[in-house]
PDB file of N, CA and C in Angstrom:
ATOM      1  N   MET A   1       5.198  99.719 146.318  1.00  0.00           N
ATOM      2  CA  MET A   1       5.151 100.431 145.020  1.00  0.00           C
ATOM      3  C   MET A   1       6.072 100.612 144.572  1.00  0.00           C
ATOM      4  N   THR A   2       5.853 100.012 143.237  1.00  0.00           N
ATOM      5  CA  THR A   2       7.235  99.558 142.356  1.00  0.00           C
ATOM      6  C   THR A   2       7.436 100.816 141.698  1.00  0.00           C
ATOM      7  N   ILE A   3       8.737 101.289 141.510  1.00  0.00           N
ATOM      8  CA  ILE A   3       9.658 102.554 140.395  1.00  0.00           C
ATOM      9  C   ILE A   3       9.667 102.150 139.261  1.00  0.00           C
ATOM     10  N   LYS A   4       9.139 102.331 138.008  1.00  0.00           N
ATOM     11  CA  LYS A   4       9.508 101.979 137.085  1.00  0.00           C
ATOM     12  C   LYS A   4      10.568 102.691 136.522  1.00  0.00           C
ATOM     13  N   ASP A   5      11.678 102.336 135.902  1.00  0.00           N
ATOM     14  CA  ASP A   5      12.775 103.080 135.118  1.00  0.00           C
ATOM     15  C   ASP A   5      12.413 103.090 133.875  1.00  0.00           C
ATOM     16  N   ALA A   6      13.124 103.844 133.003  1.00  0.00           N
ATOM     17  CA  ALA A   6      12.966 104.018 131.569  1.00  0.00           C
ATOM     18  C   ALA A   6      12.542 103.212 130.918  1.00  0.00           C
ATOM     19  N   PHE A   7      13.150 101.776 130.979  1.00  0.00           N
ATOM     20  CA  PHE A   7      13.317 100.841 130.208  1.00  0.00           C
ATOM     21  C   PHE A   7      11.918 100.314 130.347  1.00  0.00           C
ATOM     22  N   ASP A   8      11.448 100.049 131.689  1.00  0.00           N
ATOM     23  CA  ASP A   8      10.244  99.262 131.811  1.00  0.00           C
ATOM     24  C   ASP A   8       8.827 100.614 131.189  1.00  0.00           C
ATOM     25  N   GLN A   9       9.288 101.921 131.391  1.00  0.00           N
ATOM     26  CA  GLN A   9       7.853 102.831 131.215  1.00  0.00           C
ATOM     27  C   GLN A   9       8.089 102.762 129.292  1.00  0.00           C
ATOM     28  N   TRP A  10       9.152 102.684 128.741  1.00  0.00           N
ATOM     29  CA  TRP A  10       9.099 102.680 127.275  1.00  0.00           C
ATOM     30  C   TRP A  10       8.382 101.029 126.992  1.00  0.00           C
ATOM     31  N   GLN A  11       8.635 100.188 127.260  1.00  0.00           N
ATOM     32  CA  GLN A  11       8.235  98.650 127.032  1.00  0.00           C
ATOM     33  C   GLN A  11       6.651  98.683 127.367  1.00  0.00           C
ATOM     34  N   GLU A  12       6.076  99.425 128.404  1.00  0.00           N
ATOM     35  CA  GLU A  12       4.752  99.557 128.832  1.00  0.00           C
ATOM     36  C   GLU A  12       3.922  99.929 127.604  1.00  0.00           C
ATOM     37  N   TRP A  13       5.110 101.474 127.216  1.00  0.00           N
ATOM     38  CA  TRP A  13       4.255 102.162 126.285  1.00  0.00           C
ATOM     39  C   TRP A  13       4.394 101.624 125.037  1.00  0.00           C
ATOM     40  N   ALA A  14       5.343 101.128 124.424  1.00  0.00           N
ATOM     41  CA  ALA A  14       5.588 100.413 123.338  1.00  0.00           C
ATOM     42  C   ALA A  14       4.470  99.396 123.059  1.00  0.00           C
ATOM     43  N   ASN A  15       4.560  98.423 123.986  1.00  0.00           N
ATOM     44  CA  ASN A  15       3.155  97.499 123.883  1.00  0.00           C
ATOM     45  C   ASN A  15       2.030  97.441 124.387  1.00  0.00           C
ATOM     46  N   LYS A  16       1.908  98.856 124.615  1.00  0.00           N
ATOM     47  CA  LYS A  16       0.321  99.129 124.965  1.00  0.00           C
ATOM     48  C   LYS A  16      -0.730  98.646 123.989  1.00  0.00           C
ATOM     49  N   HIS A  17      -2.027  98.553 124.213  1.00  0.00           N
ATOM     50  CA  HIS A  17      -2.963  97.961 123.469  1.00  0.00           C
ATOM     51  C   HIS A  17      -3.342  99.367 122.610  1.00  0.00           C
ATOM     52  N   PRO A  18      -3.800  99.050 120.991  1.00  0.00           N
ATOM     53  CA  PRO A  18      -4.071 100.280 120.376  1.00  0.00           C
ATOM     54  C   PRO A  18      -5.193 101.383 120.897  1.00  0.00           C
ATOM     55  N   ASP A  19      -6.086 100.887 121.744  1.00  0.00           N
ATOM     56  CA  ASP A  19      -6.814 101.972 122.051  1.00  0.00           C
ATOM     57  C   ASP A  19      -6.535 102.733 123.301  1.00  0.00           C
ATOM     58  N   SER A  20      -5.196 102.151 123.699  1.00  0.00           N
ATOM     59  CA  SER A  20      -4.963 102.953 125.239  1.00  0.00           C
ATOM     60  C   SER A  20      -4.498 104.245 125.031  1.00  0.00           C
ATOM     61  N   ASP A  21      -4.702 104.658 126.143  1.00  0.00           N
ATOM     62  CA  ASP A  21      -4.170 106.550 126.209  1.00  0.00           C
ATOM     63  C   ASP A  21      -2.995 107.173 126.675  1.00  0.00           C
ATOM     64  N   LEU A  22      -2.543 105.512 127.203  1.00  0.00           N
ATOM     65  CA  LEU A  22      -1.022 105.687 128.156  1.00  0.00           C
ATOM     66  C   LEU A  22      -0.032 106.519 127.445  1.00  0.00           C
ATOM     67  N   SER A  23       0.590 107.278 127.907  1.00  0.00           N
ATOM     68  CA  SER A  23       1.830 108.173 127.501  1.00  0.00           C
ATOM     69  C   SER A  23       2.757 107.941 127.906  1.00  0.00           C
ATOM     70  N   ILE A  24       4.002 108.758 127.407  1.00  0.00           N
ATOM     71  CA  ILE A  24       5.253 108.859 128.155  1.00  0.00           C
ATOM     72  C   ILE A  24       5.983 109.752 128.016  1.00  0.00           C
ATOM     73  N   PRO A  25       7.139 110.368 128.738  1.00  0.00           N
ATOM     74  CA  PRO A  25       7.399 111.750 128.830  1.00  0.00           C
ATOM     75  C   PRO A  25       8.097 111.936 127.318  1.00  0.00           C
ATOM     76  N   SER A  26       8.073 113.035 126.784  1.00  0.00           N
ATOM     77  CA  SER A  26       8.440 113.480 125.288  1.00  0.00           C
ATOM     78  C   SER A  26      10.075 112.989 125.278  1.00  0.00           C
ATOM     79  N   ASP A  27      10.765 113.370 126.491  1.00  0.00           N
ATOM     80  CA  ASP A  27      12.364 113.327 126.208  1.00  0.00           C
ATOM     81  C   ASP A  27      12.430 111.442 126.325  1.00  0.00           C
ATOM     82  N   LEU A  28      11.811 111.096 126.713  1.00  0.00           N
ATOM     83  CA  LEU A  28      11.957 109.417 127.158  1.00  0.00           C
ATOM     84  C   LEU A  28      11.783 109.009 125.684  1.00  0.00           C
ATOM     85  N   HIS A  29      10.707 109.536 124.905  1.00  0.00           N
ATOM     86  CA  HIS A  29      10.396 109.249 123.680  1.00  0.00           C
ATOM     87  C   HIS A  29      11.554 109.481 122.550  1.00  0.00           C
ATOM     88  N   ALA A  30      11.833 110.667 122.996  1.00  0.00           N
ATOM     89  CA  ALA A  30      12.821 111.535 122.006  1.00  0.00           C
ATOM     90  C   ALA A  30      14.330 110.524 121.983  1.00  0.00           C
ATOM     91  N   ALA A  31      14.583 109.950 123.478  1.00  0.00           N
ATOM     92  CA  ALA A  31      15.763 109.262 123.439  1.00  0.00           C
ATOM     93  C   ALA A  31      15.892 107.903 123.141  1.00  0.00           C
ATOM     94  N   VAL A  32      14.842 107.178 123.534  1.00  0.00           N
ATOM     95  CA  VAL A  32      14.655 105.827 122.878  1.00  0.00           C
ATOM     96  C   VAL A  32      14.375 105.634 121.219  1.00  0.00           C
ATOM     97  N   SER A  33      13.319 106.617 120.674  1.00  0.00           N
ATOM     98  CA  SER A  33      13.095 106.092 119.443  1.00  0.00           C
ATOM     99  C   SER A  33      13.980 105.721 118.596  1.00  0.00           C
ATOM    100  N   PRO A  34      15.517 106.831 118.510  1.00  0.00           N
ATOM    101  CA  PRO A  34      16.473 106.927 117.306  1.00  0.00           C
ATOM    102  C   PRO A  34      16.893 105.198 117.549  1.00  0.00           C
ATOM    103  N   LEU A  35      16.854 104.465 118.966  1.00  0.00           N
ATOM    104  CA  LEU A  35      17.741 103.433 118.798  1.00  0.00           C
ATOM    105  C   LEU A  35      17.111 102.381 118.396  1.00  0.00           C
ATOM    106  N   ALA A  36      18.113 101.352 117.602  1.00  0.00           N
ATOM    107  CA  ALA A  36      17.839 100.022 116.953  1.00  0.00           C
ATOM    108  C   ALA A  36      16.883  99.235 117.697  1.00  0.00           C
ATOM    109  N   PRO A  37      15.922  98.416 116.841  1.00  0.00           N
ATOM    110  CA  PRO A  37      14.920  98.226 117.846  1.00  0.00           C
ATOM    111  C   PRO A  37      15.459  96.775 118.821  1.00  0.00           C
ATOM    112  N   GLU A  38      16.957  96.372 118.487  1.00  0.00           N
ATOM    113  CA  GLU A  38      17.483  95.396 119.839  1.00  0.00           C
ATOM    114  C   GLU A  38      17.721  96.201 120.944  1.00  0.00           C
ATOM    115  N   GLN A  39      18.366  97.410 120.662  1.00  0.00           N
ATOM    116  CA  GLN A  39      18.724  98.377 121.745  1.00  0.00           C
ATOM    117  C   GLN A  39      17.682  98.593 122.353  1.00  0.00           C
ATOM    118  N   GLN A  40      16.190  99.096 121.438  1.00  0.00           N
ATOM    119  CA  GLN A  40      15.413  99.174 122.142  1.00  0.00           C
ATOM    120  C   GLN A  40      14.815  98.113 123.317  1.00  0.00           C
ATOM    121  N   ALA A  41      15.126  96.872 123.149  1.00  0.00           N
ATOM    122  CA  ALA A  41      14.892  95.829 123.741  1.00  0.00           C
ATOM    123  C   ALA A  41      15.813  95.670 124.915  1.00  0.00           C
ATOM    124  N   ASP A  42      16.750  96.367 125.240  1.00  0.00           N
ATOM    125  CA  ASP A  42      17.917  96.180 125.922  1.00  0.00           C
ATOM    126  C   ASP A  42      17.861  97.165 127.327  1.00  0.00           C
ATOM    127  N   ARG A  43      17.640  96.569 128.728  1.00  0.00           N
ATOM    128  CA  ARG A  43      17.315  97.534 129.697  1.00  0.00           C
ATOM    129  C   ARG A  43      18.476  98.748 129.620  1.00  0.00           C
ATOM    130  N   GLU A  44      19.789  98.220 129.598  1.00  0.00           N
ATOM    131  CA  GLU A  44      20.874  99.086 129.833  1.00  0.00           C
ATOM    132  C   GLU A  44      21.018 100.230 128.636  1.00  0.00           C
ATOM    133  N   ALA A  45      20.627  99.467 127.348  1.00  0.00           N
ATOM    134  CA  ALA A  45      20.768 100.859 126.346  1.00  0.00           C
ATOM    135  C   ALA A  45      19.677 101.616 126.645  1.00  0.00           C
ATOM    136  N   VAL A  46      18.615 101.120 127.071  1.00  0.00           N
ATOM    137  CA  VAL A  46      17.491 102.414 127.069  1.00  0.00           C
ATOM    138  C   VAL A  46      17.669 103.122 128.149  1.00  0.00           C
ATOM    139  N   ASN A  47      17.979 102.782 129.698  1.00  0.00           N
ATOM    140  CA  ASN A  47      18.240 103.496 130.284  1.00  0.00           C
ATOM    141  C   ASN A  47      19.255 104.748 130.319  1.00  0.00           C
ATOM    142  N   ARG A  48      20.604 103.894 129.480  1.00  0.00           N
ATOM    143  CA  ARG A  48      21.585 104.711 129.539  1.00  0.00           C
ATOM    144  C   ARG A  48      21.245 105.950 128.019  1.00  0.00           C
ATOM    145  N   ALA A  49      20.537 105.795 127.481  1.00  0.00           N
ATOM    146  CA  ALA A  49      20.084 106.855 126.298  1.00  0.00           C
ATOM    147  C   ALA A  49      19.269 108.033 127.191  1.00  0.00           C
ATOM    148  N   VAL A  50      18.136 107.473 128.114  1.00  0.00           N
ATOM    149  CA  VAL A  50      17.539 108.237 128.483  1.00  0.00           C
ATOM    150  C   VAL A  50      18.917 109.312 129.588  1.00  0.00           C
ATOM    151  N   ARG A  51      19.234 108.698 130.445  1.00  0.00           N
ATOM    152  CA  ARG A  51      20.123 109.140 131.245  1.00  0.00           C
ATOM    153  C   ARG A  51      20.959 110.116 130.525  1.00  0.00           C
ATOM    154  N   GLU A  52      21.293 109.793 129.566  1.00  0.00           N
ATOM    155  CA  GLU A  52      22.491 110.969 128.395  1.00  0.00           C
ATOM    156  C   GLU A  52      21.545 112.128 127.842  1.00  0.00           C
ATOM    157  N   ALA A  53      20.665 111.763 127.769  1.00  0.00           N
ATOM    158  CA  ALA A  53      19.485 112.850 127.163  1.00  0.00           C
ATOM    159  C   ALA A  53      19.142 113.765 128.206  1.00  0.00           C
ATOM    160  N   ARG A  54      18.739 113.377 129.615  1.00  0.00           N
ATOM    161  CA  ARG A  54      18.555 114.154 130.654  1.00  0.00           C
ATOM    162  C   ARG A  54      19.854 114.714 131.416  1.00  0.00           C
ATOM    163  N   ASP A  55      20.941 114.832 130.661  1.00  0.00           N
ATOM    164  CA  ASP A  55      22.262 114.985 131.141  1.00  0.00           C
ATOM    165  C   ASP A  55      21.992 116.783 131.434  1.00  0.00           C
ATOM    166  N   PRO A  56      21.865 117.295 132.691  1.00  0.00           N
ATOM    167  CA  PRO A  56      22.090 118.879 132.332  1.00  0.00           C
ATOM    168  C   PRO A  56      23.235 119.496 132.222  1.00  0.00           C
ATOM    169  N   ASP A  57      24.656 118.685 131.776  1.00  0.00           N
ATOM    170  CA  ASP A  57      25.747 119.321 131.139  1.00  0.00           C
ATOM    171  C   ASP A  57      25.672 119.045 129.653  1.00  0.00           C
ATOM    172  N   ALA A  58      24.576 118.619 129.118  1.00  0.00           N
ATOM    173  CA  ALA A  58      24.829 118.299 127.370  1.00  0.00           C
ATOM    174  C   ALA A  58      24.628 119.834 126.863  1.00  0.00           C
ATOM    175  N   GLU A  59      24.953 119.478 125.772  1.00  0.00           N
ATOM    176  CA  GLU A  59      25.252 120.866 124.893  1.00  0.00           C
ATOM    177  C   GLU A  59      23.946 120.758 123.801  1.00  0.00           C
ATOM    178  N   PHE A  60      23.299 121.602 123.421  1.00  0.00           N
ATOM    179  CA  PHE A  60      22.520 121.558 122.474  1.00  0.00           C
ATOM    180  C   PHE A  60      23.023 122.849 121.259  1.00  0.00           C
ATOM    181  N   VAL A  61      22.264 122.563 120.301  1.00  0.00           N
ATOM    182  CA  VAL A  61      22.050 123.929 119.664  1.00  0.00           C
ATOM    183  C   VAL A  61      20.823 123.809 119.001  1.00  0.00           C
ATOM    184  N   TRP A  62      20.259 124.542 118.079  1.00  0.00           N
ATOM    185  CA  TRP A  62      18.680 125.062 117.584  1.00  0.00           C
ATOM    186  C   TRP A  62      19.128 124.879 116.402  1.00  0.00           C
ATOM    187  N   ILE A  63      18.624 124.422 115.232  1.00  0.00           N
ATOM    188  CA  ILE A  63      18.686 124.496 113.769  1.00  0.00           C
ATOM    189  C   ILE A  63      17.368 124.712 112.849  1.00  0.00           C
ATOM    190  N   TYR A  64      17.566 125.904 112.012  1.00  0.00           N
ATOM    191  CA  TYR A  64      16.459 126.163 111.393  1.00  0.00           C
ATOM    192  C   TYR A  64      16.934 125.766 109.877  1.00  0.00           C
ATOM    193  N   GLU A  65      15.614 125.255 109.156  1.00  0.00           N
ATOM    194  CA  GLU A  65      16.292 124.670 108.030  1.00  0.00           C
ATOM    195  C   GLU A  65      14.854 124.855 107.051  1.00  0.00           C
ATOM    196  N   ASN A  66      14.714 125.641 105.695  1.00  0.00           N
ATOM    197  CA  ASN A  66      13.624 125.848 105.263  1.00  0.00           C
ATOM    198  C   ASN A  66      13.676 125.340 104.385  1.00  0.00           C
ATOM    199  N   GLY A  67      14.477 124.745 103.356  1.00  0.00           N
ATOM    200  CA  GLY A  67      14.552 123.754 102.133  1.00  0.00           C
ATOM    201  C   GLY A  67      15.943 124.329 101.318  1.00  0.00           C
ATOM    202  N   ASP A  68      16.294 126.063 101.343  1.00  0.00           N
ATOM    203  CA  ASP A  68      17.294 126.718 100.574  1.00  0.00           C
ATOM    204  C   ASP A  68      18.240 126.942 101.571  1.00  0.00           C
ATOM    205  N   ASN A  69      17.672 127.198 102.972  1.00  0.00           N
ATOM    206  CA  ASN A  69      18.808 127.978 104.074  1.00  0.00           C
ATOM    207  C   ASN A  69      18.831 126.897 105.477  1.00  0.00           C
ATOM    208  N   GLU A  70      20.167 126.826 105.866  1.00  0.00           N
ATOM    209  CA  GLU A  70      20.046 126.444 106.977  1.00  0.00           C
ATOM    210  C   GLU A  70      20.986 127.587 108.231  1.00  0.00           C
ATOM    211  N   LYS A  71      20.402 127.634 109.205  1.00  0.00           N
ATOM    212  CA  LYS A  71      20.778 128.640 110.479  1.00  0.00           C
ATOM    213  C   LYS A  71      21.258 127.439 111.461  1.00  0.00           C
ATOM    214  N   LEU A  72      22.570 127.838 112.294  1.00  0.00           N
ATOM    215  CA  LEU A  72      22.488 127.208 113.486  1.00  0.00           C
ATOM    216  C   LEU A  72      22.493 128.162 114.795  1.00  0.00           C
ATOM    217  N   PHE A  73      21.865 128.137 115.637  1.00  0.00           N
ATOM    218  CA  PHE A  73      21.963 129.020 116.731  1.00  0.00           C
ATOM    219  C   PHE A  73      22.236 128.054 118.382  1.00  0.00           C
ATOM    220  N   HIS A  74      23.025 128.860 119.167  1.00  0.00           N
ATOM    221  CA  HIS A  74      23.704 128.563 120.100  1.00  0.00           C
ATOM    222  C   HIS A  74      22.696 128.630 121.567  1.00  0.00           C
ATOM    223  N   SER A  75      21.580 128.970 121.226  1.00  0.00           N
ATOM    224  CA  SER A  75      20.565 129.401 122.339  1.00  0.00           C
ATOM    225  C   SER A  75      19.006 129.460 122.079  1.00  0.00           C
ATOM    226  N   GLU A  76      17.982 128.789 122.867  1.00  0.00           N
ATOM    227  CA  GLU A  76      16.501 128.896 122.109  1.00  0.00           C
ATOM    228  C   GLU A  76      16.343 130.586 121.644  1.00  0.00           C
ATOM    229  N   HIS A  77      16.915 131.257 123.212  1.00  0.00           N
ATOM    230  CA  HIS A  77      16.326 132.961 122.753  1.00  0.00           C
ATOM    231  C   HIS A  77      17.314 133.084 121.578  1.00  0.00           C
ATOM    232  N   GLU A  78      18.186 133.076 121.455  1.00  0.00           N
ATOM    233  CA  GLU A  78      19.011 133.337 120.081  1.00  0.00           C
ATOM    234  C   GLU A  78      17.873 133.092 118.915  1.00  0.00           C
ATOM    235  N   ALA A  79      17.587 131.900 118.737  1.00  0.00           N
ATOM    236  CA  ALA A  79      16.814 131.285 117.579  1.00  0.00           C
ATOM    237  C   ALA A  79      15.420 131.905 117.506  1.00  0.00           C
ATOM    238  N   GLU A  80      14.688 131.976 118.787  1.00  0.00           N
ATOM    239  CA  GLU A  80      13.627 132.451 118.466  1.00  0.00           C
ATOM    240  C   GLU A  80      13.400 134.022 118.248  1.00  0.00           C
ATOM    241  N   ALA A  81      14.719 134.947 118.593  1.00  0.00           N
ATOM    242  CA  ALA A  81      14.706 136.429 118.199  1.00  0.00           C
ATOM    243  C   ALA A  81      14.872 136.246 116.995  1.00  0.00           C
ATOM    244  N   TRP A  82      15.792 135.691 115.949  1.00  0.00           N
ATOM    245  CA  TRP A  82      15.969 135.755 114.573  1.00  0.00           C
ATOM    246  C   TRP A  82      14.756 135.119 113.889  1.00  0.00           C
ATOM    247  N   LEU A  83      13.749 133.967 114.653  1.00  0.00           N
ATOM    248  CA  LEU A  83      12.447 133.827 113.818  1.00  0.00           C
ATOM    249  C   LEU A  83      11.471 134.740 113.590  1.00  0.00           C
ATOM    250  N   GLU A  84      11.652 135.401 115.162  1.00  0.00           N
ATOM    251  CA  GLU A  84      10.497 136.795 115.016  1.00  0.00           C
ATOM    252  C   GLU A  84      10.839 137.525 113.590  1.00  0.00           C
ATOM    253  N   GLN A  85      11.897 137.727 113.579  1.00  0.00           N
ATOM    254  CA  GLN A  85      12.562 138.899 112.310  1.00  0.00           C
ATOM    255  C   GLN A  85      12.637 138.493 110.953  1.00  0.00           C
ATOM    256  N   ASN A  86      12.808 137.060 110.925  1.00  0.00           N
ATOM    257  CA  ASN A  86      13.050 136.640 109.538  1.00  0.00           C
ATOM    258  C   ASN A  86      12.106 135.519 109.165  1.00  0.00           C
ATOM    259  N   ASP A  87      11.417 134.799 109.881  1.00  0.00           N
ATOM    260  CA  ASP A  87      10.459 133.729 109.600  1.00  0.00           C
ATOM    261  C   ASP A  87       9.701 133.707 110.735  1.00  0.00           C
ATOM    262  N   PRO A  88       8.505 134.258 110.875  1.00  0.00           N
ATOM    263  CA  PRO A  88       7.575 134.124 111.946  1.00  0.00           C
ATOM    264  C   PRO A  88       6.765 132.760 111.906  1.00  0.00           C
ATOM    265  N   GLU A  89       6.835 132.205 111.388  1.00  0.00           N
ATOM    266  CA  GLU A  89       6.003 130.995 111.077  1.00  0.00           C
ATOM    267  C   GLU A  89       6.789 129.734 110.824  1.00  0.00           C
ATOM    268  N   GLY A  90       8.879 130.148 111.107  1.00  0.00           N
ATOM    269  CA  GLY A  90       9.301 129.084 110.801  1.00  0.00           C
ATOM    270  C   GLY A  90       9.423 128.110 112.094  1.00  0.00           C
ATOM    271  N   VAL A  91      10.318 127.134 111.910  1.00  0.00           N
ATOM    272  CA  VAL A  91      10.433 126.265 113.360  1.00  0.00           C
ATOM    273  C   VAL A  91      11.882 126.007 113.333  1.00  0.00           C
ATOM    274  N   VAL A  92      12.390 125.779 114.630  1.00  0.00           N
ATOM    275  CA  VAL A  92      13.877 125.271 114.658  1.00  0.00           C
ATOM    276  C   VAL A  92      13.593 124.283 115.431  1.00  0.00           C
ATOM    277  N   PHE A  93      14.642 123.003 115.429  1.00  0.00           N
ATOM    278  CA  PHE A  93      14.705 122.285 115.923  1.00  0.00           C
ATOM    279  C   PHE A  93      15.927 121.936 117.134  1.00  0.00           C
ATOM    280  N   LYS A  94      15.663 121.434 118.051  1.00  0.00           N
ATOM    281  CA  LYS A  94      16.725 121.233 119.189  1.00  0.00           C
ATOM    282  C   LYS A  94      17.450 120.010 118.883  1.00  0.00           C
ATOM    283  N   TYR A  95      18.855 120.230 118.705  1.00  0.00           N
ATOM    284  CA  TYR A  95      19.593 119.025 118.494  1.00  0.00           C
ATOM    285  C   TYR A  95      20.726 118.896 119.410  1.00  0.00           C
ATOM    286  N   ARG A  96      20.824 117.572 119.838  1.00  0.00           N
ATOM    287  CA  ARG A  96      22.079 117.358 121.071  1.00  0.00           C
ATOM    288  C   ARG A  96      23.396 117.166 120.449  1.00  0.00           C
ATOM    289  N   LEU A  97      24.380 117.924 121.001  1.00  0.00           N
ATOM    290  CA  LEU A  97      25.314 117.608 120.207  1.00  0.00           C
ATOM    291  C   LEU A  97      26.330 116.523 121.099  1.00  0.00           C
ATOM    292  N   GLY A  98      26.723 115.577 120.380  1.00  0.00           N
ATOM    293  CA  GLY A  98      27.364 114.093 120.894  1.00  0.00           C
ATOM    294  C   GLY A  98      28.749 114.664 121.597  1.00  0.00           C
ATOM    295  N   PRO A  99      29.367 113.456 121.657  1.00  0.00           N
ATOM    296  CA  PRO A  99      30.457 113.603 122.571  1.00  0.00           C
ATOM    297  C   PRO A  99      31.789 114.039 121.507  1.00  0.00           C
ATOM    298  N   ARG A 100      32.909 114.894 121.457  1.00  0.00           N
ATOM    299  CA  ARG A 100      33.815 115.466 120.662  1.00  0.00           C
ATOM    300  C   ARG A 100      34.783 114.190 120.733  1.00  0.00           C
ATOM    301  N   ARG A 101      35.086 113.724 119.520  1.00  0.00           N
ATOM    302  CA  ARG A 101      36.326 112.576 119.142  1.00  0.00           C
ATOM    303  C   ARG A 101      37.444 113.378 118.650  1.00  0.00           C
ATOM    304  N   PRO A 102      38.624 113.048 118.910  1.00  0.00           N
ATOM    305  CA  PRO A 102      39.878 113.417 118.398  1.00  0.00           C
ATOM    306  C   PRO A 102      39.898 113.507 116.642  1.00  0.00           C
ATOM    307  N   ALA A 103      40.502 114.413 115.969  1.00  0.00           N
ATOM    308  CA  ALA A 103      40.996 114.257 114.910  1.00  0.00           C
ATOM    309  C   ALA A 103      41.152 112.933 114.188  1.00  0.00           C
ATOM    310  N   GLY A 104      40.591 112.027 113.573  1.00  0.00           N
ATOM    311  CA  GLY A 104      40.867 110.991 112.635  1.00  0.00           C
ATOM    312  C   GLY A 104      40.603 109.787 112.975  1.00  0.00           C
ATOM    313  N   SER A 105      39.985 110.137 114.356  1.00  0.00           N
ATOM    314  CA  SER A 105      39.140 108.510 115.261  1.00  0.00           C
ATOM    315  C   SER A 105      37.656 108.482 114.316  1.00  0.00           C
ATOM    316  N   ALA A 106      37.413 107.062 114.546  1.00  0.00           N
ATOM    317  CA  ALA A 106      36.191 106.638 113.825  1.00  0.00           C
ATOM    318  C   ALA A 106      35.016 106.949 115.062  1.00  0.00           C
ATOM    319  N   ASP A 107      34.015 106.981 114.032  1.00  0.00           N
ATOM    320  CA  ASP A 107      32.776 107.304 114.930  1.00  0.00           C
ATOM    321  C   ASP A 107      32.112 105.952 115.452  1.00  0.00           C
ATOM    322  N   GLN A 108      30.741 105.647 116.103  1.00  0.00           N
ATOM    323  CA  GLN A 108      30.292 104.797 116.460  1.00  0.00           C
ATOM    324  C   GLN A 108      30.334 103.388 115.936  1.00  0.00           C
ATOM    325  N   TYR A 109      30.247 104.075 114.384  1.00  0.00           N
ATOM    326  CA  TYR A 109      30.023 102.393 113.298  1.00  0.00           C
ATOM    327  C   TYR A 109      31.558 102.293 112.897  1.00  0.00           C
ATOM    328  N   GLY A 110      32.417 103.070 113.589  1.00  0.00           N
ATOM    329  CA  GLY A 110      33.981 102.559 113.035  1.00  0.00           C
ATOM    330  C   GLY A 110      33.993 103.079 111.425  1.00  0.00           C
ATOM    331  N   VAL A 111      33.375 104.355 110.940  1.00  0.00           N
ATOM    332  CA  VAL A 111      34.073 105.149 110.009  1.00  0.00           C
ATOM    333  C   VAL A 111      34.607 105.644 110.070  1.00  0.00           C
ATOM    334  N   PRO A 112      35.897 106.111 109.782  1.00  0.00           N
ATOM    335  CA  PRO A 112      36.909 107.019 109.916  1.00  0.00           C
ATOM    336  C   PRO A 112      36.529 108.516 109.837  1.00  0.00           C
ATOM    337  N   LEU A 113      37.068 109.352 110.554  1.00  0.00           N
ATOM    338  CA  LEU A 113      36.638 110.577 110.497  1.00  0.00           C
ATOM    339  C   LEU A 113      38.076 111.587 109.394  1.00  0.00           C
ATOM    340  N   ALA A 114      37.820 112.461 109.002  1.00  0.00           N
ATOM    341  CA  ALA A 114      38.451 113.627 108.795  1.00  0.00           C
ATOM    342  C   ALA A 114      39.906 113.691 109.789  1.00  0.00           C
ATOM    343  N   ALA A 115      41.005 114.069 108.793  1.00  0.00           N
ATOM    344  CA  ALA A 115      42.224 113.636 109.995  1.00  0.00           C
ATOM    345  C   ALA A 115      42.222 115.604 110.465  1.00  0.00           C
ATOM    346  N   ASP A 116      41.410 116.272 110.103  1.00  0.00           N
ATOM    347  CA  ASP A 116      41.314 117.713 110.546  1.00  0.00           C
ATOM    348  C   ASP A 116      40.706 117.923 111.282  1.00  0.00           C
TER     349      ASP A 116
END
């Protein structure tokens, strides 16, 4: 039996027949779908993105936004408690924080960041 890595699972799902009910784990989809098409076709890029997304030491925040207001929470529990009191029908989105870079360094696209 061959074990499929994240790249194999992604490719099989992305190229499935339209009538297929094949699915993939939501965390795999969330990690790979933002990649550029050429990265989605690169085994190492896909596997790296999924490894990073599944990193148990990764830091996350939860974001609430309703058009007029934005609120940031540091835990899912904190976000749910606030929603229950302030917007029971609202939704928060989980966002993975990226690596921290020194002030003044460039982002992954080479765009310089602020000096502070």
